[in-house]
Amino acid sequence: MSIIHKTTLTPTKLELLTAWLPAQPWYAATGRAPELSKTGGFRLDDPKGDVGIEFMVVQDASGDRPAWYHVPMTYRAAPLDGADRALIGTTEHGVLGRRWVYDGPHDPVFVTQLLALLQGRAEPQAQSVSHTPDPSVTAELTGAGSDVPAGAAETPAVADGPDATRLVVAGGGPALEVTRVLRPESGAETTEAVRGHVTAGWQLPDGGEARGRFVVLRDAVS
């Protein structure tokens, strides 16, 4: 189960993301530096206990209206081989020491556990409380979504689009689409060829909560 250390991070996650987000193709530039706050998310456990896995929602208030971005991240005690372009930055953890922070879709441990969540083999955990499942996060398979080839998480093809990051797993299996730009109405969308999805919530400026699809499992398009 996830252990959350109440300690310091230098720089903080939001500071790392303030520098990293403007370079992403799905970020809507406002002409100003991002003004970020954390407004939602959850975690998954790494069965080996080596990699931290967090699905974070950040609100950017630098524009005329708020924008919400979904940034899954992994935290490692050493660099991930071959993932330099996915490095968000490094930070000093008050308990664990230096941590390498990566954009989750490029990390095979993240992809493995996300597939496990969709298949009912992993349980979402609260973002900021240790040893606490988060029942508000739902994972649903709506079709033949369990036929993901063994080892598919090792070498997915990753491509960023204007609203999402798409991962096509090896062996001709389905495609994972990680939503990047969250919209309050997105949970109501229905699309053909959807095999499953992960839905969660985030906080709105008025204190209400929005829900939407953080991840969609689709038929791969050849």
C-alpha atoms as a PDB file:
ATOM      1  CA  MET A   1       0.000   0.000   0.000  1.00  0.00           C
ATOM      2  CA  SER A   2       1.145   3.557  -0.719  1.00  0.00           C
ATOM      3  CA  ILE A   3       3.233   5.235   1.983  1.00  0.00           C
ATOM      4  CA  ILE A   4       3.024   9.039   1.913  1.00  0.00           C
ATOM      5  CA  HIS A   5       5.906  10.756   3.693  1.00  0.00           C
ATOM      6  CA  LYS A   6       5.041  14.100   5.287  1.00  0.00           C
ATOM      7  CA  THR A   7       8.265  15.851   4.367  1.00  0.00           C
ATOM      8  CA  THR A   8       9.813  18.392   2.027  1.00  0.00           C
ATOM      9  CA  LEU A   9      10.514  18.310  -1.710  1.00  0.00           C
ATOM     10  CA  THR A  10      13.038  20.745  -3.163  1.00  0.00           C
ATOM     11  CA  PRO A  11      12.004  21.840  -5.729  1.00  0.00           C
ATOM     12  CA  THR A  12       8.344  20.981  -5.268  1.00  0.00           C
ATOM     13  CA  LYS A  13       6.320  19.060  -7.827  1.00  0.00           C
ATOM     14  CA  LEU A  14       4.466  22.218  -8.830  1.00  0.00           C
ATOM     15  CA  GLU A  15       7.750  24.052  -9.318  1.00  0.00           C
ATOM     16  CA  LEU A  16       8.994  21.257 -11.570  1.00  0.00           C
ATOM     17  CA  LEU A  17       5.765  21.315 -13.559  1.00  0.00           C
ATOM     18  CA  THR A  18       5.802  25.100 -13.913  1.00  0.00           C
ATOM     19  CA  ALA A  19       9.027  24.765 -15.893  1.00  0.00           C
ATOM     20  CA  TRP A  20       8.041  21.588 -17.761  1.00  0.00           C
ATOM     21  CA  LEU A  21       4.428  22.158 -18.826  1.00  0.00           C
ATOM     22  CA  PRO A  22       4.922  25.019 -21.337  1.00  0.00           C
ATOM     23  CA  ALA A  23       7.063  22.756 -23.548  1.00  0.00           C
ATOM     24  CA  GLN A  24       4.341  20.100 -23.908  1.00  0.00           C
ATOM     25  CA  PRO A  25       2.284  20.007 -27.124  1.00  0.00           C
ATOM     26  CA  TRP A  26      -0.996  19.700 -25.240  1.00  0.00           C
ATOM     27  CA  TYR A  27      -0.385  22.763 -23.039  1.00  0.00           C
ATOM     28  CA  ALA A  28      -2.404  25.854 -24.002  1.00  0.00           C
ATOM     29  CA  ALA A  29       0.042  28.741 -23.730  1.00  0.00           C
ATOM     30  CA  THR A  30      -1.348  31.885 -22.111  1.00  0.00           C
ATOM     31  CA  GLY A  31       1.601  34.220 -22.687  1.00  0.00           C
ATOM     32  CA  ARG A  32       2.382  34.061 -18.969  1.00  0.00           C
ATOM     33  CA  ALA A  33       4.139  31.600 -16.695  1.00  0.00           C
ATOM     34  CA  PRO A  34       1.797  28.842 -15.454  1.00  0.00           C
ATOM     35  CA  GLU A  35       0.055  29.521 -12.132  1.00  0.00           C
ATOM     36  CA  LEU A  36      -0.400  25.988 -10.870  1.00  0.00           C
ATOM     37  CA  SER A  37      -2.261  24.398  -7.993  1.00  0.00           C
ATOM     38  CA  LYS A  38      -2.972  20.733  -7.305  1.00  0.00           C
ATOM     39  CA  THR A  39      -6.688  20.000  -7.621  1.00  0.00           C
ATOM     40  CA  GLY A  40      -6.953  16.213  -7.695  1.00  0.00           C
ATOM     41  CA  GLY A  41      -5.438  12.856  -8.397  1.00  0.00           C
ATOM     42  CA  PHE A  42      -4.678   9.433  -6.983  1.00  0.00           C
ATOM     43  CA  ARG A  43      -1.849   6.898  -6.779  1.00  0.00           C
ATOM     44  CA  LEU A  44      -1.072   3.329  -7.715  1.00  0.00           C
ATOM     45  CA  ASP A  45       1.274   0.955  -5.940  1.00  0.00           C
ATOM     46  CA  ASP A  46       4.337  -0.587  -7.527  1.00  0.00           C
ATOM     47  CA  PRO A  47       4.261  -4.212  -6.289  1.00  0.00           C
ATOM     48  CA  LYS A  48       8.067  -4.129  -5.958  1.00  0.00           C
ATOM     49  CA  GLY A  49       7.939  -0.914  -3.939  1.00  0.00           C
ATOM     50  CA  ASP A  50      10.595   0.774  -6.064  1.00  0.00           C
ATOM     51  CA  VAL A  51       8.655   3.326  -8.112  1.00  0.00           C
ATOM     52  CA  GLY A  52       6.163   5.930  -6.927  1.00  0.00           C
ATOM     53  CA  ILE A  53       3.163   6.335  -9.270  1.00  0.00           C
ATOM     54  CA  GLU A  54       0.935   9.399  -9.063  1.00  0.00           C
ATOM     55  CA  PHE A  55      -1.860  10.680 -11.296  1.00  0.00           C
ATOM     56  CA  MET A  56      -1.949  14.433 -10.618  1.00  0.00           C
ATOM     57  CA  VAL A  57      -4.409  17.075 -11.758  1.00  0.00           C
ATOM     58  CA  VAL A  58      -3.114  20.635 -11.808  1.00  0.00           C
ATOM     59  CA  GLN A  59      -5.110  23.787 -12.422  1.00  0.00           C
ATOM     60  CA  ASP A  60      -3.466  26.575 -14.395  1.00  0.00           C
ATOM     61  CA  ALA A  61      -4.909  29.981 -13.507  1.00  0.00           C
ATOM     62  CA  SER A  62      -2.612  32.048 -15.735  1.00  0.00           C
ATOM     63  CA  GLY A  63      -5.175  32.512 -18.524  1.00  0.00           C
ATOM     64  CA  ASP A  64      -8.566  34.156 -18.819  1.00  0.00           C
ATOM     65  CA  ARG A  65     -10.189  30.985 -17.495  1.00  0.00           C
ATOM     66  CA  PRO A  66      -8.858  27.999 -15.532  1.00  0.00           C
ATOM     67  CA  ALA A  67      -7.409  25.025 -17.386  1.00  0.00           C
ATOM     68  CA  TRP A  68      -6.900  21.572 -15.928  1.00  0.00           C
ATOM     69  CA  TYR A  69      -4.098  19.217 -16.912  1.00  0.00           C
ATOM     70  CA  HIS A  70      -3.642  15.560 -16.040  1.00  0.00           C
ATOM     71  CA  VAL A  71       0.035  14.798 -15.413  1.00  0.00           C
ATOM     72  CA  PRO A  72       0.809  11.211 -14.368  1.00  0.00           C
ATOM     73  CA  MET A  73       4.269  11.010 -12.832  1.00  0.00           C
ATOM     74  CA  THR A  74       6.649   8.345 -11.608  1.00  0.00           C
ATOM     75  CA  TYR A  75       9.295   8.834  -8.921  1.00  0.00           C
ATOM     76  CA  ARG A  76      12.510   6.839  -9.008  1.00  0.00           C
ATOM     77  CA  ALA A  77      15.676   6.594  -6.907  1.00  0.00           C
ATOM     78  CA  ALA A  78      17.872   6.435 -10.036  1.00  0.00           C
ATOM     79  CA  PRO A  79      17.582   7.491 -13.678  1.00  0.00           C
ATOM     80  CA  LEU A  80      15.409   5.368 -15.974  1.00  0.00           C
ATOM     81  CA  ASP A  81      17.497   4.101 -18.886  1.00  0.00           C
ATOM     82  CA  GLY A  82      16.483   5.535 -22.250  1.00  0.00           C
ATOM     83  CA  ALA A  83      13.946   7.974 -20.804  1.00  0.00           C
ATOM     84  CA  ASP A  84      15.869  11.248 -20.863  1.00  0.00           C
ATOM     85  CA  ARG A  85      13.220  12.987 -22.967  1.00  0.00           C
ATOM     86  CA  ALA A  86      10.543  12.027 -20.420  1.00  0.00           C
ATOM     87  CA  LEU A  87      12.402  13.474 -17.418  1.00  0.00           C
ATOM     88  CA  ILE A  88      10.390  16.232 -15.742  1.00  0.00           C
ATOM     89  CA  GLY A  89      13.228  16.970 -13.324  1.00  0.00           C
ATOM     90  CA  THR A  90      14.941  15.883 -10.135  1.00  0.00           C
ATOM     91  CA  THR A  91      14.026  16.801  -6.594  1.00  0.00           C
ATOM     92  CA  GLU A  92      15.431  16.255  -3.111  1.00  0.00           C
ATOM     93  CA  HIS A  93      13.035  14.296  -0.903  1.00  0.00           C
ATOM     94  CA  GLY A  94      13.410  14.911   2.827  1.00  0.00           C
ATOM     95  CA  VAL A  95      13.284  11.163   3.598  1.00  0.00           C
ATOM     96  CA  LEU A  96      14.188   9.319   0.399  1.00  0.00           C
ATOM     97  CA  GLY A  97      16.863  11.619  -0.998  1.00  0.00           C
ATOM     98  CA  ARG A  98      17.190  12.485  -4.661  1.00  0.00           C
ATOM     99  CA  ARG A  99      14.255  11.437  -6.821  1.00  0.00           C
ATOM    100  CA  TRP A 100      14.043  11.391 -10.610  1.00  0.00           C
ATOM    101  CA  VAL A 101      10.570  12.485 -11.730  1.00  0.00           C
ATOM    102  CA  TYR A 102       9.304  11.170 -15.080  1.00  0.00           C
ATOM    103  CA  ASP A 103       6.280  11.698 -17.288  1.00  0.00           C
ATOM    104  CA  GLY A 104       4.359   8.525 -16.485  1.00  0.00           C
ATOM    105  CA  PRO A 105       3.366   7.269 -19.963  1.00  0.00           C
ATOM    106  CA  HIS A 106       7.067   6.788 -20.798  1.00  0.00           C
ATOM    107  CA  ASP A 107       7.706   4.583 -17.738  1.00  0.00           C
ATOM    108  CA  PRO A 108       7.060   0.827 -18.131  1.00  0.00           C
ATOM    109  CA  VAL A 109       6.133   0.448 -14.446  1.00  0.00           C
ATOM    110  CA  PHE A 110       3.437   3.097 -14.856  1.00  0.00           C
ATOM    111  CA  VAL A 111       2.046   1.390 -17.965  1.00  0.00           C
ATOM    112  CA  THR A 112       2.084  -2.041 -16.309  1.00  0.00           C
ATOM    113  CA  GLN A 113       0.156  -0.825 -13.269  1.00  0.00           C
ATOM    114  CA  LEU A 114      -2.285   1.196 -15.357  1.00  0.00           C
ATOM    115  CA  LEU A 115      -3.137  -1.946 -17.328  1.00  0.00           C
ATOM    116  CA  ALA A 116      -3.479  -3.791 -14.010  1.00  0.00           C
ATOM    117  CA  LEU A 117      -5.911  -1.129 -12.792  1.00  0.00           C
ATOM    118  CA  LEU A 118      -8.056  -1.500 -15.899  1.00  0.00           C
ATOM    119  CA  GLN A 119      -8.035  -5.284 -15.515  1.00  0.00           C
ATOM    120  CA  GLY A 120      -9.005  -5.159 -11.832  1.00  0.00           C
ATOM    121  CA  ARG A 121      -5.608  -6.334 -10.565  1.00  0.00           C
ATOM    122  CA  ALA A 122      -4.595  -3.012  -8.950  1.00  0.00           C
ATOM    123  CA  GLU A 123      -6.488  -0.769  -6.549  1.00  0.00           C
ATOM    124  CA  PRO A 124      -6.372   3.050  -6.746  1.00  0.00           C
ATOM    125  CA  GLN A 125      -4.888   4.667  -3.655  1.00  0.00           C
ATOM    126  CA  ALA A 126      -5.551   8.045  -2.045  1.00  0.00           C
ATOM    127  CA  GLN A 127      -3.222  10.752  -3.286  1.00  0.00           C
ATOM    128  CA  SER A 128      -2.126  12.136   0.087  1.00  0.00           C
ATOM    129  CA  VAL A 129      -2.983   9.494   2.731  1.00  0.00           C
ATOM    130  CA  SER A 130      -0.994   6.313   3.366  1.00  0.00           C
ATOM    131  CA  HIS A 131      -2.554   2.844   3.142  1.00  0.00           C
ATOM    132  CA  THR A 132      -5.913   4.188   1.961  1.00  0.00           C
ATOM    133  CA  PRO A 133      -7.763   3.030  -1.163  1.00  0.00           C
ATOM    134  CA  ASP A 134      -9.642   5.689  -3.147  1.00  0.00           C
ATOM    135  CA  PRO A 135     -13.095   4.322  -4.077  1.00  0.00           C
ATOM    136  CA  SER A 136     -13.952   7.476  -6.020  1.00  0.00           C
ATOM    137  CA  VAL A 137     -11.636   6.307  -8.818  1.00  0.00           C
ATOM    138  CA  THR A 138     -13.377   3.816 -11.077  1.00  0.00           C
ATOM    139  CA  ALA A 139     -11.917   1.533 -13.733  1.00  0.00           C
ATOM    140  CA  GLU A 140     -14.250  -0.136 -16.192  1.00  0.00           C
ATOM    141  CA  LEU A 141     -13.801  -2.519 -19.087  1.00  0.00           C
ATOM    142  CA  THR A 142     -16.607  -2.169 -21.610  1.00  0.00           C
ATOM    143  CA  GLY A 143     -15.383  -4.732 -24.110  1.00  0.00           C
ATOM    144  CA  ALA A 144     -12.710  -7.332 -24.713  1.00  0.00           C
ATOM    145  CA  GLY A 145     -10.179  -5.171 -22.943  1.00  0.00           C
ATOM    146  CA  SER A 146      -8.254  -7.849 -21.106  1.00  0.00           C
ATOM    147  CA  ASP A 147      -6.481  -9.295 -24.147  1.00  0.00           C
ATOM    148  CA  VAL A 148      -3.355  -7.170 -23.713  1.00  0.00           C
ATOM    149  CA  PRO A 149      -0.241  -9.100 -24.813  1.00  0.00           C
ATOM    150  CA  ALA A 150       2.178 -10.161 -22.093  1.00  0.00           C
ATOM    151  CA  GLY A 151       5.096  -7.747 -21.867  1.00  0.00           C
ATOM    152  CA  ALA A 152       3.188  -5.054 -23.763  1.00  0.00           C
ATOM    153  CA  ALA A 153       4.124  -2.415 -21.209  1.00  0.00           C
ATOM    154  CA  GLU A 154       7.829  -2.760 -21.889  1.00  0.00           C
ATOM    155  CA  THR A 155       8.003  -0.968 -25.253  1.00  0.00           C
ATOM    156  CA  PRO A 156       4.838   0.977 -26.058  1.00  0.00           C
ATOM    157  CA  ALA A 157       4.918   3.509 -28.872  1.00  0.00           C
ATOM    158  CA  VAL A 158       4.195   6.881 -27.224  1.00  0.00           C
ATOM    159  CA  ALA A 159       2.808   9.850 -29.150  1.00  0.00           C
ATOM    160  CA  ASP A 160       1.579  13.183 -27.778  1.00  0.00           C
ATOM    161  CA  GLY A 161      -1.461  14.826 -29.363  1.00  0.00           C
ATOM    162  CA  PRO A 162      -3.249  18.125 -28.683  1.00  0.00           C
ATOM    163  CA  ASP A 163      -5.357  16.682 -25.849  1.00  0.00           C
ATOM    164  CA  ALA A 164      -3.928  13.274 -24.952  1.00  0.00           C
ATOM    165  CA  THR A 165      -0.922  10.972 -25.009  1.00  0.00           C
ATOM    166  CA  ARG A 166      -1.466   7.740 -26.922  1.00  0.00           C
ATOM    167  CA  LEU A 167       0.345   4.492 -26.125  1.00  0.00           C
ATOM    168  CA  VAL A 168       0.085   1.649 -28.612  1.00  0.00           C
ATOM    169  CA  VAL A 169       1.265  -1.493 -26.859  1.00  0.00           C
ATOM    170  CA  ALA A 170       3.413  -4.121 -28.517  1.00  0.00           C
ATOM    171  CA  GLY A 171       1.907  -7.203 -30.112  1.00  0.00           C
ATOM    172  CA  GLY A 172      -1.045  -5.554 -31.827  1.00  0.00           C
ATOM    173  CA  GLY A 173      -3.073  -4.950 -28.680  1.00  0.00           C
ATOM    174  CA  PRO A 174      -5.313  -2.008 -27.817  1.00  0.00           C
ATOM    175  CA  ALA A 175      -4.161   1.581 -27.391  1.00  0.00           C
ATOM    176  CA  LEU A 176      -4.055   3.445 -24.093  1.00  0.00           C
ATOM    177  CA  GLU A 177      -5.017   7.102 -24.345  1.00  0.00           C
ATOM    178  CA  VAL A 178      -3.975   9.207 -21.354  1.00  0.00           C
ATOM    179  CA  THR A 179      -6.097  12.351 -21.241  1.00  0.00           C
ATOM    180  CA  ARG A 180      -3.982  15.474 -20.723  1.00  0.00           C
ATOM    181  CA  VAL A 181      -6.504  18.300 -21.044  1.00  0.00           C
ATOM    182  CA  LEU A 182      -9.368  17.682 -18.624  1.00  0.00           C
ATOM    183  CA  ARG A 183     -12.771  19.257 -19.127  1.00  0.00           C
ATOM    184  CA  PRO A 184     -15.673  19.017 -16.668  1.00  0.00           C
ATOM    185  CA  GLU A 185     -17.980  17.588 -19.311  1.00  0.00           C
ATOM    186  CA  SER A 186     -15.506  14.964 -20.555  1.00  0.00           C
ATOM    187  CA  GLY A 187     -16.954  12.168 -18.424  1.00  0.00           C
ATOM    188  CA  ALA A 188     -20.130  12.190 -20.523  1.00  0.00           C
ATOM    189  CA  GLU A 189     -18.356  11.555 -23.817  1.00  0.00           C
ATOM    190  CA  THR A 190     -19.095   8.302 -25.589  1.00  0.00           C
ATOM    191  CA  THR A 191     -16.970   7.046 -28.445  1.00  0.00           C
ATOM    192  CA  GLU A 192     -17.076   3.895 -30.503  1.00  0.00           C
ATOM    193  CA  ALA A 193     -14.165   1.470 -30.177  1.00  0.00           C
ATOM    194  CA  VAL A 194     -13.700   2.254 -26.465  1.00  0.00           C
ATOM    195  CA  ARG A 195     -12.817  -0.893 -24.549  1.00  0.00           C
ATOM    196  CA  GLY A 196     -12.504   0.642 -21.108  1.00  0.00           C
ATOM    197  CA  HIS A 197     -11.660   3.731 -19.115  1.00  0.00           C
ATOM    198  CA  VAL A 198     -10.468   5.108 -15.781  1.00  0.00           C
ATOM    199  CA  THR A 199     -12.615   7.905 -14.345  1.00  0.00           C
ATOM    200  CA  ALA A 200     -11.756  10.209 -11.444  1.00  0.00           C
ATOM    201  CA  GLY A 201     -12.578  13.651 -10.101  1.00  0.00           C
ATOM    202  CA  TRP A 202     -10.923  16.999  -9.476  1.00  0.00           C
ATOM    203  CA  GLN A 203     -11.843  20.205  -7.654  1.00  0.00           C
ATOM    204  CA  LEU A 204     -13.308  23.274  -9.366  1.00  0.00           C
ATOM    205  CA  PRO A 205     -12.658  26.878  -8.268  1.00  0.00           C
ATOM    206  CA  ASP A 206     -16.182  27.181  -6.831  1.00  0.00           C
ATOM    207  CA  GLY A 207     -15.578  24.214  -4.531  1.00  0.00           C
ATOM    208  CA  GLY A 208     -17.505  21.739  -6.652  1.00  0.00           C
ATOM    209  CA  GLU A 209     -16.117  18.595  -8.202  1.00  0.00           C
ATOM    210  CA  ALA A 210     -15.853  17.599 -11.838  1.00  0.00           C
ATOM    211  CA  ARG A 211     -15.355  14.057 -13.090  1.00  0.00           C
ATOM    212  CA  GLY A 212     -13.903  12.828 -16.329  1.00  0.00           C
ATOM    213  CA  ARG A 213     -11.999  10.079 -18.052  1.00  0.00           C
ATOM    214  CA  PHE A 214      -8.332  10.171 -17.134  1.00  0.00           C
ATOM    215  CA  VAL A 215      -7.494   7.177 -19.325  1.00  0.00           C
ATOM    216  CA  VAL A 216      -9.307   5.464 -22.199  1.00  0.00           C
ATOM    217  CA  LEU A 217      -8.534   2.026 -23.621  1.00  0.00           C
ATOM    218  CA  ARG A 218      -9.301   1.989 -27.353  1.00  0.00           C
ATOM    219  CA  ASP A 219      -8.997  -0.364 -30.274  1.00  0.00           C
ATOM    220  CA  ALA A 220      -5.651   0.288 -31.903  1.00  0.00           C
ATOM    221  CA  VAL A 221      -5.775   1.872 -35.341  1.00  0.00           C
ATOM    222  CA  SER A 222      -3.285   0.363 -37.757  1.00  0.00           C
END
